[in-house]
Amino acid sequence: FSRRFTCQCYTGRTCAPKLPIHLS
């Protein structure tokens, strides 16, 4: 998921994509 997709944040939210190590 992290390699193929990024995040589109909802209004007023923060949603920086996590790196694989953080996913682990």
PDBML (XML) file of the C-alpha atoms, coordinates in Angstrom:
<?xml version="1.0" encoding="UTF-8" ?>
<PDBx:datablock datablockName="MODEL"
   xmlns:PDBx="http://pdbml.pdb.org/schema/pdbx-v50.xsd"
   xmlns:xsi="http://www.w3.org/2001/XMLSchema-instance"
   xsi:schemaLocation="http://pdbml.pdb.org/schema/pdbx-v50.xsd pdbx-v50.xsd">
   <PDBx:atom_siteCategory>
      <PDBx:atom_site id="1">
         <PDBx:B_iso_or_equiv>0.00</PDBx:B_iso_or_equiv>
         <PDBx:Cartn_x>0.000</PDBx:Cartn_x>
         <PDBx:Cartn_y>0.000</PDBx:Cartn_y>
         <PDBx:Cartn_z>0.000</PDBx:Cartn_z>
         <PDBx:auth_asym_id>A</PDBx:auth_asym_id>
         <PDBx:auth_atom_id>CA</PDBx:auth_atom_id>
         <PDBx:auth_comp_id>PHE</PDBx:auth_comp_id>
         <PDBx:auth_seq_id>1</PDBx:auth_seq_id>
         <PDBx:group_PDB>ATOM</PDBx:group_PDB>
         <PDBx:label_alt_id xsi:nil="true" />
         <PDBx:label_asym_id>A</PDBx:label_asym_id>
         <PDBx:label_atom_id>CA</PDBx:label_atom_id>
         <PDBx:label_comp_id>PHE</PDBx:label_comp_id>
         <PDBx:label_entity_id>1</PDBx:label_entity_id>
         <PDBx:label_seq_id>1</PDBx:label_seq_id>
         <PDBx:occupancy>1.00</PDBx:occupancy>
         <PDBx:pdbx_PDB_model_num>1</PDBx:pdbx_PDB_model_num>
         <PDBx:type_symbol>C</PDBx:type_symbol>
      </PDBx:atom_site>
      <PDBx:atom_site id="2">
         <PDBx:B_iso_or_equiv>0.00</PDBx:B_iso_or_equiv>
         <PDBx:Cartn_x>2.737</PDBx:Cartn_x>
         <PDBx:Cartn_y>2.471</PDBx:Cartn_y>
         <PDBx:Cartn_z>0.977</PDBx:Cartn_z>
         <PDBx:auth_asym_id>A</PDBx:auth_asym_id>
         <PDBx:auth_atom_id>CA</PDBx:auth_atom_id>
         <PDBx:auth_comp_id>SER</PDBx:auth_comp_id>
         <PDBx:auth_seq_id>2</PDBx:auth_seq_id>
         <PDBx:group_PDB>ATOM</PDBx:group_PDB>
         <PDBx:label_alt_id xsi:nil="true" />
         <PDBx:label_asym_id>A</PDBx:label_asym_id>
         <PDBx:label_atom_id>CA</PDBx:label_atom_id>
         <PDBx:label_comp_id>SER</PDBx:label_comp_id>
         <PDBx:label_entity_id>1</PDBx:label_entity_id>
         <PDBx:label_seq_id>2</PDBx:label_seq_id>
         <PDBx:occupancy>1.00</PDBx:occupancy>
         <PDBx:pdbx_PDB_model_num>1</PDBx:pdbx_PDB_model_num>
         <PDBx:type_symbol>C</PDBx:type_symbol>
      </PDBx:atom_site>
      <PDBx:atom_site id="3">
         <PDBx:B_iso_or_equiv>0.00</PDBx:B_iso_or_equiv>
         <PDBx:Cartn_x>4.642</PDBx:Cartn_x>
         <PDBx:Cartn_y>1.900</PDBx:Cartn_y>
         <PDBx:Cartn_z>-2.279</PDBx:Cartn_z>
         <PDBx:auth_asym_id>A</PDBx:auth_asym_id>
         <PDBx:auth_atom_id>CA</PDBx:auth_atom_id>
         <PDBx:auth_comp_id>ARG</PDBx:auth_comp_id>
         <PDBx:auth_seq_id>3</PDBx:auth_seq_id>
         <PDBx:group_PDB>ATOM</PDBx:group_PDB>
         <PDBx:label_alt_id xsi:nil="true" />
         <PDBx:label_asym_id>A</PDBx:label_asym_id>
         <PDBx:label_atom_id>CA</PDBx:label_atom_id>
         <PDBx:label_comp_id>ARG</PDBx:label_comp_id>
         <PDBx:label_entity_id>1</PDBx:label_entity_id>
         <PDBx:label_seq_id>3</PDBx:label_seq_id>
         <PDBx:occupancy>1.00</PDBx:occupancy>
         <PDBx:pdbx_PDB_model_num>1</PDBx:pdbx_PDB_model_num>
         <PDBx:type_symbol>C</PDBx:type_symbol>
      </PDBx:atom_site>
      <PDBx:atom_site id="4">
         <PDBx:B_iso_or_equiv>0.00</PDBx:B_iso_or_equiv>
         <PDBx:Cartn_x>1.643</PDBx:Cartn_x>
         <PDBx:Cartn_y>2.299</PDBx:Cartn_y>
         <PDBx:Cartn_z>-4.530</PDBx:Cartn_z>
         <PDBx:auth_asym_id>A</PDBx:auth_asym_id>
         <PDBx:auth_atom_id>CA</PDBx:auth_atom_id>
         <PDBx:auth_comp_id>ARG</PDBx:auth_comp_id>
         <PDBx:auth_seq_id>4</PDBx:auth_seq_id>
         <PDBx:group_PDB>ATOM</PDBx:group_PDB>
         <PDBx:label_alt_id xsi:nil="true" />
         <PDBx:label_asym_id>A</PDBx:label_asym_id>
         <PDBx:label_atom_id>CA</PDBx:label_atom_id>
         <PDBx:label_comp_id>ARG</PDBx:label_comp_id>
         <PDBx:label_entity_id>1</PDBx:label_entity_id>
         <PDBx:label_seq_id>4</PDBx:label_seq_id>
         <PDBx:occupancy>1.00</PDBx:occupancy>
         <PDBx:pdbx_PDB_model_num>1</PDBx:pdbx_PDB_model_num>
         <PDBx:type_symbol>C</PDBx:type_symbol>
      </PDBx:atom_site>
      <PDBx:atom_site id="5">
         <PDBx:B_iso_or_equiv>0.00</PDBx:B_iso_or_equiv>
         <PDBx:Cartn_x>-0.568</PDBx:Cartn_x>
         <PDBx:Cartn_y>4.818</PDBx:Cartn_y>
         <PDBx:Cartn_z>-2.745</PDBx:Cartn_z>
         <PDBx:auth_asym_id>A</PDBx:auth_asym_id>
         <PDBx:auth_atom_id>CA</PDBx:auth_atom_id>
         <PDBx:auth_comp_id>PHE</PDBx:auth_comp_id>
         <PDBx:auth_seq_id>5</PDBx:auth_seq_id>
         <PDBx:group_PDB>ATOM</PDBx:group_PDB>
         <PDBx:label_alt_id xsi:nil="true" />
         <PDBx:label_asym_id>A</PDBx:label_asym_id>
         <PDBx:label_atom_id>CA</PDBx:label_atom_id>
         <PDBx:label_comp_id>PHE</PDBx:label_comp_id>
         <PDBx:label_entity_id>1</PDBx:label_entity_id>
         <PDBx:label_seq_id>5</PDBx:label_seq_id>
         <PDBx:occupancy>1.00</PDBx:occupancy>
         <PDBx:pdbx_PDB_model_num>1</PDBx:pdbx_PDB_model_num>
         <PDBx:type_symbol>C</PDBx:type_symbol>
      </PDBx:atom_site>
      <PDBx:atom_site id="6">
         <PDBx:B_iso_or_equiv>0.00</PDBx:B_iso_or_equiv>
         <PDBx:Cartn_x>-0.343</PDBx:Cartn_x>
         <PDBx:Cartn_y>8.165</PDBx:Cartn_y>
         <PDBx:Cartn_z>-1.021</PDBx:Cartn_z>
         <PDBx:auth_asym_id>A</PDBx:auth_asym_id>
         <PDBx:auth_atom_id>CA</PDBx:auth_atom_id>
         <PDBx:auth_comp_id>THR</PDBx:auth_comp_id>
         <PDBx:auth_seq_id>6</PDBx:auth_seq_id>
         <PDBx:group_PDB>ATOM</PDBx:group_PDB>
         <PDBx:label_alt_id xsi:nil="true" />
         <PDBx:label_asym_id>A</PDBx:label_asym_id>
         <PDBx:label_atom_id>CA</PDBx:label_atom_id>
         <PDBx:label_comp_id>THR</PDBx:label_comp_id>
         <PDBx:label_entity_id>1</PDBx:label_entity_id>
         <PDBx:label_seq_id>6</PDBx:label_seq_id>
         <PDBx:occupancy>1.00</PDBx:occupancy>
         <PDBx:pdbx_PDB_model_num>1</PDBx:pdbx_PDB_model_num>
         <PDBx:type_symbol>C</PDBx:type_symbol>
      </PDBx:atom_site>
      <PDBx:atom_site id="7">
         <PDBx:B_iso_or_equiv>0.00</PDBx:B_iso_or_equiv>
         <PDBx:Cartn_x>-2.780</PDBx:Cartn_x>
         <PDBx:Cartn_y>10.038</PDBx:Cartn_y>
         <PDBx:Cartn_z>1.203</PDBx:Cartn_z>
         <PDBx:auth_asym_id>A</PDBx:auth_asym_id>
         <PDBx:auth_atom_id>CA</PDBx:auth_atom_id>
         <PDBx:auth_comp_id>CYS</PDBx:auth_comp_id>
         <PDBx:auth_seq_id>7</PDBx:auth_seq_id>
         <PDBx:group_PDB>ATOM</PDBx:group_PDB>
         <PDBx:label_alt_id xsi:nil="true" />
         <PDBx:label_asym_id>A</PDBx:label_asym_id>
         <PDBx:label_atom_id>CA</PDBx:label_atom_id>
         <PDBx:label_comp_id>CYS</PDBx:label_comp_id>
         <PDBx:label_entity_id>1</PDBx:label_entity_id>
         <PDBx:label_seq_id>7</PDBx:label_seq_id>
         <PDBx:occupancy>1.00</PDBx:occupancy>
         <PDBx:pdbx_PDB_model_num>1</PDBx:pdbx_PDB_model_num>
         <PDBx:type_symbol>C</PDBx:type_symbol>
      </PDBx:atom_site>
      <PDBx:atom_site id="8">
         <PDBx:B_iso_or_equiv>0.00</PDBx:B_iso_or_equiv>
         <PDBx:Cartn_x>-5.401</PDBx:Cartn_x>
         <PDBx:Cartn_y>12.623</PDBx:Cartn_y>
         <PDBx:Cartn_z>0.329</PDBx:Cartn_z>
         <PDBx:auth_asym_id>A</PDBx:auth_asym_id>
         <PDBx:auth_atom_id>CA</PDBx:auth_atom_id>
         <PDBx:auth_comp_id>GLN</PDBx:auth_comp_id>
         <PDBx:auth_seq_id>8</PDBx:auth_seq_id>
         <PDBx:group_PDB>ATOM</PDBx:group_PDB>
         <PDBx:label_alt_id xsi:nil="true" />
         <PDBx:label_asym_id>A</PDBx:label_asym_id>
         <PDBx:label_atom_id>CA</PDBx:label_atom_id>
         <PDBx:label_comp_id>GLN</PDBx:label_comp_id>
         <PDBx:label_entity_id>1</PDBx:label_entity_id>
         <PDBx:label_seq_id>8</PDBx:label_seq_id>
         <PDBx:occupancy>1.00</PDBx:occupancy>
         <PDBx:pdbx_PDB_model_num>1</PDBx:pdbx_PDB_model_num>
         <PDBx:type_symbol>C</PDBx:type_symbol>
      </PDBx:atom_site>
      <PDBx:atom_site id="9">
         <PDBx:B_iso_or_equiv>0.00</PDBx:B_iso_or_equiv>
         <PDBx:Cartn_x>-6.193</PDBx:Cartn_x>
         <PDBx:Cartn_y>14.272</PDBx:Cartn_y>
         <PDBx:Cartn_z>3.654</PDBx:Cartn_z>
         <PDBx:auth_asym_id>A</PDBx:auth_asym_id>
         <PDBx:auth_atom_id>CA</PDBx:auth_atom_id>
         <PDBx:auth_comp_id>CYS</PDBx:auth_comp_id>
         <PDBx:auth_seq_id>9</PDBx:auth_seq_id>
         <PDBx:group_PDB>ATOM</PDBx:group_PDB>
         <PDBx:label_alt_id xsi:nil="true" />
         <PDBx:label_asym_id>A</PDBx:label_asym_id>
         <PDBx:label_atom_id>CA</PDBx:label_atom_id>
         <PDBx:label_comp_id>CYS</PDBx:label_comp_id>
         <PDBx:label_entity_id>1</PDBx:label_entity_id>
         <PDBx:label_seq_id>9</PDBx:label_seq_id>
         <PDBx:occupancy>1.00</PDBx:occupancy>
         <PDBx:pdbx_PDB_model_num>1</PDBx:pdbx_PDB_model_num>
         <PDBx:type_symbol>C</PDBx:type_symbol>
      </PDBx:atom_site>
      <PDBx:atom_site id="10">
         <PDBx:B_iso_or_equiv>0.00</PDBx:B_iso_or_equiv>
         <PDBx:Cartn_x>-9.716</PDBx:Cartn_x>
         <PDBx:Cartn_y>14.992</PDBx:Cartn_y>
         <PDBx:Cartn_z>4.807</PDBx:Cartn_z>
         <PDBx:auth_asym_id>A</PDBx:auth_asym_id>
         <PDBx:auth_atom_id>CA</PDBx:auth_atom_id>
         <PDBx:auth_comp_id>TYR</PDBx:auth_comp_id>
         <PDBx:auth_seq_id>10</PDBx:auth_seq_id>
         <PDBx:group_PDB>ATOM</PDBx:group_PDB>
         <PDBx:label_alt_id xsi:nil="true" />
         <PDBx:label_asym_id>A</PDBx:label_asym_id>
         <PDBx:label_atom_id>CA</PDBx:label_atom_id>
         <PDBx:label_comp_id>TYR</PDBx:label_comp_id>
         <PDBx:label_entity_id>1</PDBx:label_entity_id>
         <PDBx:label_seq_id>10</PDBx:label_seq_id>
         <PDBx:occupancy>1.00</PDBx:occupancy>
         <PDBx:pdbx_PDB_model_num>1</PDBx:pdbx_PDB_model_num>
         <PDBx:type_symbol>C</PDBx:type_symbol>
      </PDBx:atom_site>
      <PDBx:atom_site id="11">
         <PDBx:B_iso_or_equiv>0.00</PDBx:B_iso_or_equiv>
         <PDBx:Cartn_x>-10.527</PDBx:Cartn_x>
         <PDBx:Cartn_y>18.642</PDBx:Cartn_y>
         <PDBx:Cartn_z>5.441</PDBx:Cartn_z>
         <PDBx:auth_asym_id>A</PDBx:auth_asym_id>
         <PDBx:auth_atom_id>CA</PDBx:auth_atom_id>
         <PDBx:auth_comp_id>THR</PDBx:auth_comp_id>
         <PDBx:auth_seq_id>11</PDBx:auth_seq_id>
         <PDBx:group_PDB>ATOM</PDBx:group_PDB>
         <PDBx:label_alt_id xsi:nil="true" />
         <PDBx:label_asym_id>A</PDBx:label_asym_id>
         <PDBx:label_atom_id>CA</PDBx:label_atom_id>
         <PDBx:label_comp_id>THR</PDBx:label_comp_id>
         <PDBx:label_entity_id>1</PDBx:label_entity_id>
         <PDBx:label_seq_id>11</PDBx:label_seq_id>
         <PDBx:occupancy>1.00</PDBx:occupancy>
         <PDBx:pdbx_PDB_model_num>1</PDBx:pdbx_PDB_model_num>
         <PDBx:type_symbol>C</PDBx:type_symbol>
      </PDBx:atom_site>
      <PDBx:atom_site id="12">
         <PDBx:B_iso_or_equiv>0.00</PDBx:B_iso_or_equiv>
         <PDBx:Cartn_x>-8.698</PDBx:Cartn_x>
         <PDBx:Cartn_y>19.969</PDBx:Cartn_y>
         <PDBx:Cartn_z>8.485</PDBx:Cartn_z>
         <PDBx:auth_asym_id>A</PDBx:auth_asym_id>
         <PDBx:auth_atom_id>CA</PDBx:auth_atom_id>
         <PDBx:auth_comp_id>GLY</PDBx:auth_comp_id>
         <PDBx:auth_seq_id>12</PDBx:auth_seq_id>
         <PDBx:group_PDB>ATOM</PDBx:group_PDB>
         <PDBx:label_alt_id xsi:nil="true" />
         <PDBx:label_asym_id>A</PDBx:label_asym_id>
         <PDBx:label_atom_id>CA</PDBx:label_atom_id>
         <PDBx:label_comp_id>GLY</PDBx:label_comp_id>
         <PDBx:label_entity_id>1</PDBx:label_entity_id>
         <PDBx:label_seq_id>12</PDBx:label_seq_id>
         <PDBx:occupancy>1.00</PDBx:occupancy>
         <PDBx:pdbx_PDB_model_num>1</PDBx:pdbx_PDB_model_num>
         <PDBx:type_symbol>C</PDBx:type_symbol>
      </PDBx:atom_site>
      <PDBx:atom_site id="13">
         <PDBx:B_iso_or_equiv>0.00</PDBx:B_iso_or_equiv>
         <PDBx:Cartn_x>-6.794</PDBx:Cartn_x>
         <PDBx:Cartn_y>16.709</PDBx:Cartn_y>
         <PDBx:Cartn_z>9.073</PDBx:Cartn_z>
         <PDBx:auth_asym_id>A</PDBx:auth_asym_id>
         <PDBx:auth_atom_id>CA</PDBx:auth_atom_id>
         <PDBx:auth_comp_id>ARG</PDBx:auth_comp_id>
         <PDBx:auth_seq_id>13</PDBx:auth_seq_id>
         <PDBx:group_PDB>ATOM</PDBx:group_PDB>
         <PDBx:label_alt_id xsi:nil="true" />
         <PDBx:label_asym_id>A</PDBx:label_asym_id>
         <PDBx:label_atom_id>CA</PDBx:label_atom_id>
         <PDBx:label_comp_id>ARG</PDBx:label_comp_id>
         <PDBx:label_entity_id>1</PDBx:label_entity_id>
         <PDBx:label_seq_id>13</PDBx:label_seq_id>
         <PDBx:occupancy>1.00</PDBx:occupancy>
         <PDBx:pdbx_PDB_model_num>1</PDBx:pdbx_PDB_model_num>
         <PDBx:type_symbol>C</PDBx:type_symbol>
      </PDBx:atom_site>
      <PDBx:atom_site id="14">
         <PDBx:B_iso_or_equiv>0.00</PDBx:B_iso_or_equiv>
         <PDBx:Cartn_x>-3.109</PDBx:Cartn_x>
         <PDBx:Cartn_y>15.761</PDBx:Cartn_y>
         <PDBx:Cartn_z>8.875</PDBx:Cartn_z>
         <PDBx:auth_asym_id>A</PDBx:auth_asym_id>
         <PDBx:auth_atom_id>CA</PDBx:auth_atom_id>
         <PDBx:auth_comp_id>THR</PDBx:auth_comp_id>
         <PDBx:auth_seq_id>14</PDBx:auth_seq_id>
         <PDBx:group_PDB>ATOM</PDBx:group_PDB>
         <PDBx:label_alt_id xsi:nil="true" />
         <PDBx:label_asym_id>A</PDBx:label_asym_id>
         <PDBx:label_atom_id>CA</PDBx:label_atom_id>
         <PDBx:label_comp_id>THR</PDBx:label_comp_id>
         <PDBx:label_entity_id>1</PDBx:label_entity_id>
         <PDBx:label_seq_id>14</PDBx:label_seq_id>
         <PDBx:occupancy>1.00</PDBx:occupancy>
         <PDBx:pdbx_PDB_model_num>1</PDBx:pdbx_PDB_model_num>
         <PDBx:type_symbol>C</PDBx:type_symbol>
      </PDBx:atom_site>
      <PDBx:atom_site id="15">
         <PDBx:B_iso_or_equiv>0.00</PDBx:B_iso_or_equiv>
         <PDBx:Cartn_x>-2.336</PDBx:Cartn_x>
         <PDBx:Cartn_y>12.439</PDBx:Cartn_y>
         <PDBx:Cartn_z>7.202</PDBx:Cartn_z>
         <PDBx:auth_asym_id>A</PDBx:auth_asym_id>
         <PDBx:auth_atom_id>CA</PDBx:auth_atom_id>
         <PDBx:auth_comp_id>CYS</PDBx:auth_comp_id>
         <PDBx:auth_seq_id>15</PDBx:auth_seq_id>
         <PDBx:group_PDB>ATOM</PDBx:group_PDB>
         <PDBx:label_alt_id xsi:nil="true" />
         <PDBx:label_asym_id>A</PDBx:label_asym_id>
         <PDBx:label_atom_id>CA</PDBx:label_atom_id>
         <PDBx:label_comp_id>CYS</PDBx:label_comp_id>
         <PDBx:label_entity_id>1</PDBx:label_entity_id>
         <PDBx:label_seq_id>15</PDBx:label_seq_id>
         <PDBx:occupancy>1.00</PDBx:occupancy>
         <PDBx:pdbx_PDB_model_num>1</PDBx:pdbx_PDB_model_num>
         <PDBx:type_symbol>C</PDBx:type_symbol>
      </PDBx:atom_site>
      <PDBx:atom_site id="16">
         <PDBx:B_iso_or_equiv>0.00</PDBx:B_iso_or_equiv>
         <PDBx:Cartn_x>1.281</PDBx:Cartn_x>
         <PDBx:Cartn_y>12.219</PDBx:Cartn_y>
         <PDBx:Cartn_z>6.051</PDBx:Cartn_z>
         <PDBx:auth_asym_id>A</PDBx:auth_asym_id>
         <PDBx:auth_atom_id>CA</PDBx:auth_atom_id>
         <PDBx:auth_comp_id>ALA</PDBx:auth_comp_id>
         <PDBx:auth_seq_id>16</PDBx:auth_seq_id>
         <PDBx:group_PDB>ATOM</PDBx:group_PDB>
         <PDBx:label_alt_id xsi:nil="true" />
         <PDBx:label_asym_id>A</PDBx:label_asym_id>
         <PDBx:label_atom_id>CA</PDBx:label_atom_id>
         <PDBx:label_comp_id>ALA</PDBx:label_comp_id>
         <PDBx:label_entity_id>1</PDBx:label_entity_id>
         <PDBx:label_seq_id>16</PDBx:label_seq_id>
         <PDBx:occupancy>1.00</PDBx:occupancy>
         <PDBx:pdbx_PDB_model_num>1</PDBx:pdbx_PDB_model_num>
         <PDBx:type_symbol>C</PDBx:type_symbol>
      </PDBx:atom_site>
      <PDBx:atom_site id="17">
         <PDBx:B_iso_or_equiv>0.00</PDBx:B_iso_or_equiv>
         <PDBx:Cartn_x>1.866</PDBx:Cartn_x>
         <PDBx:Cartn_y>8.714</PDBx:Cartn_y>
         <PDBx:Cartn_z>4.609</PDBx:Cartn_z>
         <PDBx:auth_asym_id>A</PDBx:auth_asym_id>
         <PDBx:auth_atom_id>CA</PDBx:auth_atom_id>
         <PDBx:auth_comp_id>PRO</PDBx:auth_comp_id>
         <PDBx:auth_seq_id>17</PDBx:auth_seq_id>
         <PDBx:group_PDB>ATOM</PDBx:group_PDB>
         <PDBx:label_alt_id xsi:nil="true" />
         <PDBx:label_asym_id>A</PDBx:label_asym_id>
         <PDBx:label_atom_id>CA</PDBx:label_atom_id>
         <PDBx:label_comp_id>PRO</PDBx:label_comp_id>
         <PDBx:label_entity_id>1</PDBx:label_entity_id>
         <PDBx:label_seq_id>17</PDBx:label_seq_id>
         <PDBx:occupancy>1.00</PDBx:occupancy>
         <PDBx:pdbx_PDB_model_num>1</PDBx:pdbx_PDB_model_num>
         <PDBx:type_symbol>C</PDBx:type_symbol>
      </PDBx:atom_site>
      <PDBx:atom_site id="18">
         <PDBx:B_iso_or_equiv>0.00</PDBx:B_iso_or_equiv>
         <PDBx:Cartn_x>3.813</PDBx:Cartn_x>
         <PDBx:Cartn_y>6.432</PDBx:Cartn_y>
         <PDBx:Cartn_z>6.931</PDBx:Cartn_z>
         <PDBx:auth_asym_id>A</PDBx:auth_asym_id>
         <PDBx:auth_atom_id>CA</PDBx:auth_atom_id>
         <PDBx:auth_comp_id>LYS</PDBx:auth_comp_id>
         <PDBx:auth_seq_id>18</PDBx:auth_seq_id>
         <PDBx:group_PDB>ATOM</PDBx:group_PDB>
         <PDBx:label_alt_id xsi:nil="true" />
         <PDBx:label_asym_id>A</PDBx:label_asym_id>
         <PDBx:label_atom_id>CA</PDBx:label_atom_id>
         <PDBx:label_comp_id>LYS</PDBx:label_comp_id>
         <PDBx:label_entity_id>1</PDBx:label_entity_id>
         <PDBx:label_seq_id>18</PDBx:label_seq_id>
         <PDBx:occupancy>1.00</PDBx:occupancy>
         <PDBx:pdbx_PDB_model_num>1</PDBx:pdbx_PDB_model_num>
         <PDBx:type_symbol>C</PDBx:type_symbol>
      </PDBx:atom_site>
      <PDBx:atom_site id="19">
         <PDBx:B_iso_or_equiv>0.00</PDBx:B_iso_or_equiv>
         <PDBx:Cartn_x>7.006</PDBx:Cartn_x>
         <PDBx:Cartn_y>4.764</PDBx:Cartn_y>
         <PDBx:Cartn_z>5.762</PDBx:Cartn_z>
         <PDBx:auth_asym_id>A</PDBx:auth_asym_id>
         <PDBx:auth_atom_id>CA</PDBx:auth_atom_id>
         <PDBx:auth_comp_id>LEU</PDBx:auth_comp_id>
         <PDBx:auth_seq_id>19</PDBx:auth_seq_id>
         <PDBx:group_PDB>ATOM</PDBx:group_PDB>
         <PDBx:label_alt_id xsi:nil="true" />
         <PDBx:label_asym_id>A</PDBx:label_asym_id>
         <PDBx:label_atom_id>CA</PDBx:label_atom_id>
         <PDBx:label_comp_id>LEU</PDBx:label_comp_id>
         <PDBx:label_entity_id>1</PDBx:label_entity_id>
         <PDBx:label_seq_id>19</PDBx:label_seq_id>
         <PDBx:occupancy>1.00</PDBx:occupancy>
         <PDBx:pdbx_PDB_model_num>1</PDBx:pdbx_PDB_model_num>
         <PDBx:type_symbol>C</PDBx:type_symbol>
      </PDBx:atom_site>
      <PDBx:atom_site id="20">
         <PDBx:B_iso_or_equiv>0.00</PDBx:B_iso_or_equiv>
         <PDBx:Cartn_x>7.216</PDBx:Cartn_x>
         <PDBx:Cartn_y>0.947</PDBx:Cartn_y>
         <PDBx:Cartn_z>5.722</PDBx:Cartn_z>
         <PDBx:auth_asym_id>A</PDBx:auth_asym_id>
         <PDBx:auth_atom_id>CA</PDBx:auth_atom_id>
         <PDBx:auth_comp_id>PRO</PDBx:auth_comp_id>
         <PDBx:auth_seq_id>20</PDBx:auth_seq_id>
         <PDBx:group_PDB>ATOM</PDBx:group_PDB>
         <PDBx:label_alt_id xsi:nil="true" />
         <PDBx:label_asym_id>A</PDBx:label_asym_id>
         <PDBx:label_atom_id>CA</PDBx:label_atom_id>
         <PDBx:label_comp_id>PRO</PDBx:label_comp_id>
         <PDBx:label_entity_id>1</PDBx:label_entity_id>
         <PDBx:label_seq_id>20</PDBx:label_seq_id>
         <PDBx:occupancy>1.00</PDBx:occupancy>
         <PDBx:pdbx_PDB_model_num>1</PDBx:pdbx_PDB_model_num>
         <PDBx:type_symbol>C</PDBx:type_symbol>
      </PDBx:atom_site>
      <PDBx:atom_site id="21">
         <PDBx:B_iso_or_equiv>0.00</PDBx:B_iso_or_equiv>
         <PDBx:Cartn_x>9.225</PDBx:Cartn_x>
         <PDBx:Cartn_y>0.885</PDBx:Cartn_y>
         <PDBx:Cartn_z>8.981</PDBx:Cartn_z>
         <PDBx:auth_asym_id>A</PDBx:auth_asym_id>
         <PDBx:auth_atom_id>CA</PDBx:auth_atom_id>
         <PDBx:auth_comp_id>ILE</PDBx:auth_comp_id>
         <PDBx:auth_seq_id>21</PDBx:auth_seq_id>
         <PDBx:group_PDB>ATOM</PDBx:group_PDB>
         <PDBx:label_alt_id xsi:nil="true" />
         <PDBx:label_asym_id>A</PDBx:label_asym_id>
         <PDBx:label_atom_id>CA</PDBx:label_atom_id>
         <PDBx:label_comp_id>ILE</PDBx:label_comp_id>
         <PDBx:label_entity_id>1</PDBx:label_entity_id>
         <PDBx:label_seq_id>21</PDBx:label_seq_id>
         <PDBx:occupancy>1.00</PDBx:occupancy>
         <PDBx:pdbx_PDB_model_num>1</PDBx:pdbx_PDB_model_num>
         <PDBx:type_symbol>C</PDBx:type_symbol>
      </PDBx:atom_site>
      <PDBx:atom_site id="22">
         <PDBx:B_iso_or_equiv>0.00</PDBx:B_iso_or_equiv>
         <PDBx:Cartn_x>6.444</PDBx:Cartn_x>
         <PDBx:Cartn_y>2.815</PDBx:Cartn_y>
         <PDBx:Cartn_z>10.711</PDBx:Cartn_z>
         <PDBx:auth_asym_id>A</PDBx:auth_asym_id>
         <PDBx:auth_atom_id>CA</PDBx:auth_atom_id>
         <PDBx:auth_comp_id>HIS</PDBx:auth_comp_id>
         <PDBx:auth_seq_id>22</PDBx:auth_seq_id>
         <PDBx:group_PDB>ATOM</PDBx:group_PDB>
         <PDBx:label_alt_id xsi:nil="true" />
         <PDBx:label_asym_id>A</PDBx:label_asym_id>
         <PDBx:label_atom_id>CA</PDBx:label_atom_id>
         <PDBx:label_comp_id>HIS</PDBx:label_comp_id>
         <PDBx:label_entity_id>1</PDBx:label_entity_id>
         <PDBx:label_seq_id>22</PDBx:label_seq_id>
         <PDBx:occupancy>1.00</PDBx:occupancy>
         <PDBx:pdbx_PDB_model_num>1</PDBx:pdbx_PDB_model_num>
         <PDBx:type_symbol>C</PDBx:type_symbol>
      </PDBx:atom_site>
      <PDBx:atom_site id="23">
         <PDBx:B_iso_or_equiv>0.00</PDBx:B_iso_or_equiv>
         <PDBx:Cartn_x>3.871</PDBx:Cartn_x>
         <PDBx:Cartn_y>0.471</PDBx:Cartn_y>
         <PDBx:Cartn_z>9.256</PDBx:Cartn_z>
         <PDBx:auth_asym_id>A</PDBx:auth_asym_id>
         <PDBx:auth_atom_id>CA</PDBx:auth_atom_id>
         <PDBx:auth_comp_id>LEU</PDBx:auth_comp_id>
         <PDBx:auth_seq_id>23</PDBx:auth_seq_id>
         <PDBx:group_PDB>ATOM</PDBx:group_PDB>
         <PDBx:label_alt_id xsi:nil="true" />
         <PDBx:label_asym_id>A</PDBx:label_asym_id>
         <PDBx:label_atom_id>CA</PDBx:label_atom_id>
         <PDBx:label_comp_id>LEU</PDBx:label_comp_id>
         <PDBx:label_entity_id>1</PDBx:label_entity_id>
         <PDBx:label_seq_id>23</PDBx:label_seq_id>
         <PDBx:occupancy>1.00</PDBx:occupancy>
         <PDBx:pdbx_PDB_model_num>1</PDBx:pdbx_PDB_model_num>
         <PDBx:type_symbol>C</PDBx:type_symbol>
      </PDBx:atom_site>
      <PDBx:atom_site id="24">
         <PDBx:B_iso_or_equiv>0.00</PDBx:B_iso_or_equiv>
         <PDBx:Cartn_x>5.763</PDBx:Cartn_x>
         <PDBx:Cartn_y>-2.410</PDBx:Cartn_y>
         <PDBx:Cartn_z>10.805</PDBx:Cartn_z>
         <PDBx:auth_asym_id>A</PDBx:auth_asym_id>
         <PDBx:auth_atom_id>CA</PDBx:auth_atom_id>
         <PDBx:auth_comp_id>SER</PDBx:auth_comp_id>
         <PDBx:auth_seq_id>24</PDBx:auth_seq_id>
         <PDBx:group_PDB>ATOM</PDBx:group_PDB>
         <PDBx:label_alt_id xsi:nil="true" />
         <PDBx:label_asym_id>A</PDBx:label_asym_id>
         <PDBx:label_atom_id>CA</PDBx:label_atom_id>
         <PDBx:label_comp_id>SER</PDBx:label_comp_id>
         <PDBx:label_entity_id>1</PDBx:label_entity_id>
         <PDBx:label_seq_id>24</PDBx:label_seq_id>
         <PDBx:occupancy>1.00</PDBx:occupancy>
         <PDBx:pdbx_PDB_model_num>1</PDBx:pdbx_PDB_model_num>
         <PDBx:type_symbol>C</PDBx:type_symbol>
      </PDBx:atom_site>
   </PDBx:atom_siteCategory>
</PDBx:datablock>
